[in-house]
C-alpha atoms as a PDB file:
ATOM      1  CA  UNK A   1       9.929  -0.225  15.271  1.00  0.00           C
ATOM      2  CA  UNK A   2       6.809   1.842  16.344  1.00  0.00           C
ATOM      3  CA  UNK A   3       4.144   2.083  13.870  1.00  0.00           C
ATOM      4  CA  UNK A   4       2.071   5.098  13.252  1.00  0.00           C
ATOM      5  CA  UNK A   5      -0.451   6.277  10.962  1.00  0.00           C
ATOM      6  CA  UNK A   6      -1.427  10.364  10.359  1.00  0.00           C
ATOM      7  CA  UNK A   7      -5.231  10.085   8.904  1.00  0.00           C
ATOM      8  CA  UNK A   8      -5.936  13.594   6.994  1.00  0.00           C
ATOM      9  CA  UNK A   9      -9.307  13.997   7.098  1.00  0.00           C
ATOM     10  CA  UNK A  10      -9.847  17.864   5.688  1.00  0.00           C
ATOM     11  CA  UNK A  11     -12.271  17.302   3.163  1.00  0.00           C
ATOM     12  CA  UNK A  12     -15.608  19.494   2.419  1.00  0.00           C
ATOM     13  CA  UNK A  13     -17.676  17.391   0.827  1.00  0.00           C
ATOM     14  CA  UNK A  14     -18.205  19.563  -2.330  1.00  0.00           C
ATOM     15  CA  UNK A  15     -18.731  16.965  -4.685  1.00  0.00           C
ATOM     16  CA  UNK A  16     -21.097  15.020  -2.363  1.00  0.00           C
ATOM     17  CA  UNK A  17     -23.468  17.942  -2.674  1.00  0.00           C
ATOM     18  CA  UNK A  18     -24.093  17.987   1.019  1.00  0.00           C
ATOM     19  CA  UNK A  19     -22.807  20.704   3.863  1.00  0.00           C
ATOM     20  CA  UNK A  20     -21.614  17.254   5.961  1.00  0.00           C
ATOM     21  CA  UNK A  21     -17.874  16.876   5.262  1.00  0.00           C
ATOM     22  CA  UNK A  22     -17.468  13.585   3.558  1.00  0.00           C
ATOM     23  CA  UNK A  23     -15.421  11.972   6.384  1.00  0.00           C
ATOM     24  CA  UNK A  24     -18.167  12.224   8.596  1.00  0.00           C
ATOM     25  CA  UNK A  25     -21.101  10.771   6.335  1.00  0.00           C
ATOM     26  CA  UNK A  26     -22.147   7.590   7.630  1.00  0.00           C
ATOM     27  CA  UNK A  27     -21.613   4.253   5.710  1.00  0.00           C
ATOM     28  CA  UNK A  28     -22.633   0.871   6.914  1.00  0.00           C
ATOM     29  CA  UNK A  29     -23.678   2.298  10.134  1.00  0.00           C
ATOM     30  CA  UNK A  30     -20.958   4.849  10.712  1.00  0.00           C
ATOM     31  CA  UNK A  31     -19.056   7.754  10.030  1.00  0.00           C
ATOM     32  CA  UNK A  32     -16.380   6.787   6.660  1.00  0.00           C
ATOM     33  CA  UNK A  33     -13.817   8.019   8.881  1.00  0.00           C
ATOM     34  CA  UNK A  34     -14.357   5.585  11.911  1.00  0.00           C
ATOM     35  CA  UNK A  35     -14.004   2.663   8.899  1.00  0.00           C
ATOM     36  CA  UNK A  36     -10.763   3.967   8.358  1.00  0.00           C
ATOM     37  CA  UNK A  37      -9.417   3.929  12.119  1.00  0.00           C
ATOM     38  CA  UNK A  38     -10.546   0.296  12.337  1.00  0.00           C
ATOM     39  CA  UNK A  39      -8.751  -0.757   9.042  1.00  0.00           C
ATOM     40  CA  UNK A  40      -5.220   0.434  10.962  1.00  0.00           C
ATOM     41  CA  UNK A  41      -6.605  -0.811  14.396  1.00  0.00           C
ATOM     42  CA  UNK A  42      -7.002  -4.523  12.972  1.00  0.00           C
ATOM     43  CA  UNK A  43      -3.523  -4.213  11.338  1.00  0.00           C
ATOM     44  CA  UNK A  44      -1.899  -3.202  14.607  1.00  0.00           C
ATOM     45  CA  UNK A  45      -3.685  -2.866  17.928  1.00  0.00           C
ATOM     46  CA  UNK A  46      -0.727  -0.574  19.427  1.00  0.00           C
ATOM     47  CA  UNK A  47      -0.499   1.798  16.497  1.00  0.00           C
ATOM     48  CA  UNK A  48      -0.344   5.706  17.257  1.00  0.00           C
ATOM     49  CA  UNK A  49      -3.013   7.333  15.115  1.00  0.00           C
ATOM     50  CA  UNK A  50      -2.682  11.138  14.495  1.00  0.00           C
ATOM     51  CA  UNK A  51      -5.725  12.577  13.255  1.00  0.00           C
ATOM     52  CA  UNK A  52      -5.795  15.854  11.599  1.00  0.00           C
ATOM     53  CA  UNK A  53      -8.798  17.679  11.415  1.00  0.00           C
ATOM     54  CA  UNK A  54      -9.622  21.329  10.615  1.00  0.00           C
ATOM     55  CA  UNK A  55     -10.505  23.138  14.277  1.00  0.00           C
ATOM     56  CA  UNK A  56     -14.015  23.689  12.948  1.00  0.00           C
ATOM     57  CA  UNK A  57     -14.656  19.963  12.503  1.00  0.00           C
ATOM     58  CA  UNK A  58     -12.821  18.881  15.708  1.00  0.00           C
ATOM     59  CA  UNK A  59     -15.810  19.367  18.281  1.00  0.00           C
ATOM     60  CA  UNK A  60     -18.401  17.781  16.097  1.00  0.00           C
ATOM     61  CA  UNK A  61     -15.960  14.799  15.663  1.00  0.00           C
ATOM     62  CA  UNK A  62     -15.825  14.373  19.187  1.00  0.00           C
ATOM     63  CA  UNK A  63     -19.187  14.628  19.388  1.00  0.00           C
ATOM     64  CA  UNK A  64     -19.426  11.960  16.856  1.00  0.00           C
ATOM     65  CA  UNK A  65     -17.006   9.439  19.279  1.00  0.00           C
ATOM     66  CA  UNK A  66     -19.571   9.735  22.186  1.00  0.00           C
ATOM     67  CA  UNK A  67     -22.361   9.053  19.958  1.00  0.00           C
ATOM     68  CA  UNK A  68     -20.931   5.872  18.589  1.00  0.00           C
ATOM     69  CA  UNK A  69     -19.163   4.905  21.804  1.00  0.00           C
ATOM     70  CA  UNK A  70     -15.926   5.200  19.652  1.00  0.00           C
ATOM     71  CA  UNK A  71     -12.914   4.519  22.286  1.00  0.00           C
ATOM     72  CA  UNK A  72      -9.953   3.958  19.509  1.00  0.00           C
ATOM     73  CA  UNK A  73      -7.254   6.002  21.071  1.00  0.00           C
ATOM     74  CA  UNK A  74      -5.887   8.936  18.827  1.00  0.00           C
ATOM     75  CA  UNK A  75      -4.559  12.293  18.910  1.00  0.00           C
ATOM     76  CA  UNK A  76      -6.000  15.181  16.852  1.00  0.00           C
ATOM     77  CA  UNK A  77      -3.803  17.479  15.213  1.00  0.00           C
ATOM     78  CA  UNK A  78      -5.179  20.722  13.580  1.00  0.00           C
ATOM     79  CA  UNK A  79      -5.391  21.097   9.990  1.00  0.00           C
ATOM     80  CA  UNK A  80      -3.425  23.434   8.046  1.00  0.00           C
ATOM     81  CA  UNK A  81      -4.339  25.566   4.546  1.00  0.00           C
ATOM     82  CA  UNK A  82      -3.284  22.627   2.345  1.00  0.00           C
ATOM     83  CA  UNK A  83      -2.811  18.937   2.613  1.00  0.00           C
ATOM     84  CA  UNK A  84       0.967  19.340   2.836  1.00  0.00           C
ATOM     85  CA  UNK A  85       0.555  21.877   5.832  1.00  0.00           C
ATOM     86  CA  UNK A  86      -1.816  19.409   7.605  1.00  0.00           C
ATOM     87  CA  UNK A  87       0.461  16.344   7.022  1.00  0.00           C
ATOM     88  CA  UNK A  88       3.343  18.632   8.512  1.00  0.00           C
ATOM     89  CA  UNK A  89       1.341  19.471  11.472  1.00  0.00           C
ATOM     90  CA  UNK A  90       0.551  15.814  11.938  1.00  0.00           C
ATOM     91  CA  UNK A  91       4.214  14.932  11.816  1.00  0.00           C
ATOM     92  CA  UNK A  92       4.982  16.951  14.981  1.00  0.00           C
ATOM     93  CA  UNK A  93       3.409  14.520  17.035  1.00  0.00           C
ATOM     94  CA  UNK A  94       5.181  11.684  15.603  1.00  0.00           C
ATOM     95  CA  UNK A  95       8.341  10.647  17.544  1.00  0.00           C
ATOM     96  CA  UNK A  96       9.823   7.553  15.903  1.00  0.00           C
ATOM     97  CA  UNK A  97       9.599   4.359  13.708  1.00  0.00           C
ATOM     98  CA  UNK A  98       7.575   3.773  10.754  1.00  0.00           C
ATOM     99  CA  UNK A  99       4.489   6.234   9.587  1.00  0.00           C
ATOM    100  CA  UNK A 100       1.820   6.103   7.344  1.00  0.00           C
ATOM    101  CA  UNK A 101       0.086   8.836   5.896  1.00  0.00           C
ATOM    102  CA  UNK A 102      -3.669   7.729   4.816  1.00  0.00           C
ATOM    103  CA  UNK A 103      -6.617   9.595   3.272  1.00  0.00           C
ATOM    104  CA  UNK A 104      -9.548   9.387   6.006  1.00  0.00           C
ATOM    105  CA  UNK A 105     -12.059   8.854   3.550  1.00  0.00           C
ATOM    106  CA  UNK A 106     -10.096   5.758   2.061  1.00  0.00           C
ATOM    107  CA  UNK A 107     -11.818   3.315   4.720  1.00  0.00           C
ATOM    108  CA  UNK A 108     -11.090  -0.077   2.865  1.00  0.00           C
ATOM    109  CA  UNK A 109      -7.875  -1.112   2.585  1.00  0.00           C
ATOM    110  CA  UNK A 110      -7.149  -4.621   3.853  1.00  0.00           C
ATOM    111  CA  UNK A 111      -5.122  -5.726   6.487  1.00  0.00           C
ATOM    112  CA  UNK A 112      -3.160  -7.763   4.136  1.00  0.00           C
ATOM    113  CA  UNK A 113      -2.611  -4.642   1.972  1.00  0.00           C
ATOM    114  CA  UNK A 114      -1.290  -2.163   5.129  1.00  0.00           C
ATOM    115  CA  UNK A 115       0.769  -4.984   6.188  1.00  0.00           C
ATOM    116  CA  UNK A 116       2.623  -5.475   2.807  1.00  0.00           C
ATOM    117  CA  UNK A 117       3.249  -1.560   2.605  1.00  0.00           C
ATOM    118  CA  UNK A 118       4.575  -1.577   6.315  1.00  0.00           C
ATOM    119  CA  UNK A 119       6.671  -4.786   5.870  1.00  0.00           C
ATOM    120  CA  UNK A 120       8.141  -3.164   2.581  1.00  0.00           C
ATOM    121  CA  UNK A 121       9.584  -0.222   4.856  1.00  0.00           C
ATOM    122  CA  UNK A 122      12.179  -3.376   6.104  1.00  0.00           C
ATOM    123  CA  UNK A 123      13.838  -3.047   2.776  1.00  0.00           C
ATOM    124  CA  UNK A 124      12.940   0.407   1.321  1.00  0.00           C
ATOM    125  CA  UNK A 125      12.325   3.813   3.217  1.00  0.00           C
ATOM    126  CA  UNK A 126       9.542   5.172   0.651  1.00  0.00           C
ATOM    127  CA  UNK A 127       6.502   3.077   0.109  1.00  0.00           C
ATOM    128  CA  UNK A 128       3.306   3.395  -1.825  1.00  0.00           C
ATOM    129  CA  UNK A 129       0.570   1.081  -3.302  1.00  0.00           C
ATOM    130  CA  UNK A 130      -0.640   1.298  -6.522  1.00  0.00           C
ATOM    131  CA  UNK A 131      -2.934  -0.493  -9.246  1.00  0.00           C
ATOM    132  CA  UNK A 132      -2.933  -0.475 -12.630  1.00  0.00           C
ATOM    133  CA  UNK A 133      -4.957   1.495 -14.777  1.00  0.00           C
ATOM    134  CA  UNK A 134      -7.518  -0.710 -16.954  1.00  0.00           C
ATOM    135  CA  UNK A 135      -8.903   2.370 -19.246  1.00  0.00           C
ATOM    136  CA  UNK A 136      -6.936   3.889 -22.052  1.00  0.00           C
ATOM    137  CA  UNK A 137      -5.197   7.402 -21.335  1.00  0.00           C
ATOM    138  CA  UNK A 138      -4.585  10.147 -23.477  1.00  0.00           C
ATOM    139  CA  UNK A 139      -2.414  13.116 -22.649  1.00  0.00           C
ATOM    140  CA  UNK A 140      -3.955  16.769 -24.164  1.00  0.00           C
ATOM    141  CA  UNK A 141      -1.303  18.937 -26.059  1.00  0.00           C
ATOM    142  CA  UNK A 142      -3.385  21.484 -26.497  1.00  0.00           C
ATOM    143  CA  UNK A 143      -6.936  22.437 -26.953  1.00  0.00           C
ATOM    144  CA  UNK A 144      -7.476  20.594 -30.427  1.00  0.00           C
ATOM    145  CA  UNK A 145      -4.695  17.747 -30.139  1.00  0.00           C
ATOM    146  CA  UNK A 146      -4.023  15.182 -27.722  1.00  0.00           C
ATOM    147  CA  UNK A 147      -1.978  11.875 -27.712  1.00  0.00           C
ATOM    148  CA  UNK A 148      -2.132   8.418 -26.298  1.00  0.00           C
ATOM    149  CA  UNK A 149      -0.175   7.201 -23.221  1.00  0.00           C
ATOM    150  CA  UNK A 150       1.359   3.724 -22.741  1.00  0.00           C
ATOM    151  CA  UNK A 151      -0.977   2.601 -19.728  1.00  0.00           C
ATOM    152  CA  UNK A 152       1.513  -0.384 -19.270  1.00  0.00           C
ATOM    153  CA  UNK A 153       3.962   2.405 -17.472  1.00  0.00           C
ATOM    154  CA  UNK A 154       1.119   4.298 -15.355  1.00  0.00           C
ATOM    155  CA  UNK A 155       0.123   3.343 -12.170  1.00  0.00           C
ATOM    156  CA  UNK A 156      -2.739   4.562  -9.953  1.00  0.00           C
ATOM    157  CA  UNK A 157      -1.623   5.746  -6.519  1.00  0.00           C
ATOM    158  CA  UNK A 158      -3.457   4.973  -3.281  1.00  0.00           C
ATOM    159  CA  UNK A 159      -2.681   5.335   0.303  1.00  0.00           C
ATOM    160  CA  UNK A 160      -1.411   4.620   3.031  1.00  0.00           C
ATOM    161  CA  UNK A 161       1.839   5.669   1.773  1.00  0.00           C
ATOM    162  CA  UNK A 162       4.354   4.667   4.255  1.00  0.00           C
ATOM    163  CA  UNK A 163       7.856   5.830   5.520  1.00  0.00           C
ATOM    164  CA  UNK A 164      10.821   5.685   7.827  1.00  0.00           C
ATOM    165  CA  UNK A 165       9.589   8.956   9.842  1.00  0.00           C
ATOM    166  CA  UNK A 166      12.755  10.550   9.922  1.00  0.00           C
ATOM    167  CA  UNK A 167      13.077  10.463   6.065  1.00  0.00           C
ATOM    168  CA  UNK A 168       9.701  11.848   6.174  1.00  0.00           C
ATOM    169  CA  UNK A 169       9.974  14.619   8.788  1.00  0.00           C
ATOM    170  CA  UNK A 170      13.156  15.604   6.777  1.00  0.00           C
ATOM    171  CA  UNK A 171      11.132  15.812   3.555  1.00  0.00           C
ATOM    172  CA  UNK A 172       8.467  18.136   5.142  1.00  0.00           C
ATOM    173  CA  UNK A 173      11.358  20.655   6.185  1.00  0.00           C
ATOM    174  CA  UNK A 174      11.160  22.099   2.726  1.00  0.00           C
ATOM    175  CA  UNK A 175       9.185  24.821   1.515  1.00  0.00           C
ATOM    176  CA  UNK A 176       5.533  23.922  -0.034  1.00  0.00           C
ATOM    177  CA  UNK A 177       5.391  23.656  -3.770  1.00  0.00           C
ATOM    178  CA  UNK A 178       2.168  23.204  -5.652  1.00  0.00           C
ATOM    179  CA  UNK A 179       3.855  20.364  -7.290  1.00  0.00           C
ATOM    180  CA  UNK A 180       3.382  18.178  -4.209  1.00  0.00           C
ATOM    181  CA  UNK A 181       0.174  16.104  -5.261  1.00  0.00           C
ATOM    182  CA  UNK A 182       1.034  13.500  -1.951  1.00  0.00           C
ATOM    183  CA  UNK A 183       3.529  12.762   0.290  1.00  0.00           C
ATOM    184  CA  UNK A 184       5.564  10.522  -1.780  1.00  0.00           C
ATOM    185  CA  UNK A 185       5.928  14.042  -4.311  1.00  0.00           C
ATOM    186  CA  UNK A 186       7.386  15.602  -1.230  1.00  0.00           C
ATOM    187  CA  UNK A 187      10.110  12.642  -0.465  1.00  0.00           C
ATOM    188  CA  UNK A 188      10.983  12.265  -3.978  1.00  0.00           C
ATOM    189  CA  UNK A 189      11.781  15.914  -4.358  1.00  0.00           C
ATOM    190  CA  UNK A 190      14.696  14.925  -2.151  1.00  0.00           C
ATOM    191  CA  UNK A 191      16.068  12.423  -4.551  1.00  0.00           C
ATOM    192  CA  UNK A 192      14.272   9.663  -3.245  1.00  0.00           C
ATOM    193  CA  UNK A 193      13.514   6.274  -4.827  1.00  0.00           C
ATOM    194  CA  UNK A 194       9.362   5.853  -4.025  1.00  0.00           C
ATOM    195  CA  UNK A 195       9.184   2.034  -4.066  1.00  0.00           C
ATOM    196  CA  UNK A 196       5.571   0.850  -5.620  1.00  0.00           C
ATOM    197  CA  UNK A 197       3.407  -2.070  -3.772  1.00  0.00           C
ATOM    198  CA  UNK A 198       0.395  -3.927  -4.428  1.00  0.00           C
ATOM    199  CA  UNK A 199      -2.992  -1.910  -3.629  1.00  0.00           C
ATOM    200  CA  UNK A 200      -6.304  -3.040  -4.101  1.00  0.00           C
ATOM    201  CA  UNK A 201      -8.739  -2.071  -6.528  1.00  0.00           C
ATOM    202  CA  UNK A 202     -11.387  -2.235  -3.454  1.00  0.00           C
ATOM    203  CA  UNK A 203      -9.292   0.298  -2.136  1.00  0.00           C
ATOM    204  CA  UNK A 204     -11.361   3.443  -3.071  1.00  0.00           C
ATOM    205  CA  UNK A 205     -11.640   7.078  -1.719  1.00  0.00           C
ATOM    206  CA  UNK A 206     -15.096   8.149  -0.729  1.00  0.00           C
ATOM    207  CA  UNK A 207     -15.328  11.298  -2.684  1.00  0.00           C
ATOM    208  CA  UNK A 208     -19.016  11.211  -4.553  1.00  0.00           C
ATOM    209  CA  UNK A 209     -22.443  10.253  -3.950  1.00  0.00           C
ATOM    210  CA  UNK A 210     -21.371   6.741  -6.437  1.00  0.00           C
ATOM    211  CA  UNK A 211     -18.534   6.113  -4.619  1.00  0.00           C
ATOM    212  CA  UNK A 212     -20.948   5.926  -1.514  1.00  0.00           C
ATOM    213  CA  UNK A 213     -22.920   3.324  -3.485  1.00  0.00           C
ATOM    214  CA  UNK A 214     -19.689   1.284  -4.182  1.00  0.00           C
ATOM    215  CA  UNK A 215     -18.454   1.247  -0.673  1.00  0.00           C
ATOM    216  CA  UNK A 216     -21.790  -0.106   0.715  1.00  0.00           C
ATOM    217  CA  UNK A 217     -21.274  -3.134  -1.547  1.00  0.00           C
ATOM    218  CA  UNK A 218     -17.793  -3.328  -0.500  1.00  0.00           C
ATOM    219  CA  UNK A 219     -18.670  -3.708   3.057  1.00  0.00           C
ATOM    220  CA  UNK A 220     -21.514  -5.947   2.042  1.00  0.00           C
ATOM    221  CA  UNK A 221     -19.192  -8.493   0.333  1.00  0.00           C
ATOM    222  CA  UNK A 222     -16.751  -8.191   3.678  1.00  0.00           C
END
């Protein structure tokens, strides 16, 4: 089946403390977002890429593509009010096959991990990469009390989250709910089981200056 990816890049970079949206910040000599593209192109050179950007960012992205001679084919969809609405807009450019939804600022997923997610859709309709929690966890009961959580039952969710396209499109026909924190939560609301596969500790999301420093180290080791 045709492989597709919707790359959602609507961040404003507020936690970076700068005006430049985080997906456009240079990392290893080129914008973060271009690394994300390259990860999926390395997995499948014919993958259909849909990039979701706010209208206000689209001209700047096109200028960056020209500046960096970035020629990976892709379609640009317009971002919505929330991530939910952005993914829904991106889905309108997907016809059939398998579709991944990827954070634009998560640029380090390996070819092996991306393949693992896509391959699992041969058996499961909804696939999400996760890693174990290495920290102790506590749940707040109220302002004064908390309780320990069994971390052996906790998994930290990453992207790409990969689905049969007809399933994801059907899921996104629902009305927006603020309990939808990712695509898996939208699909799960239909009663569909989410299958977990092994993610990667280096598959980080670039949201803070510290993440950028870690990202530079990851690039040096790759």
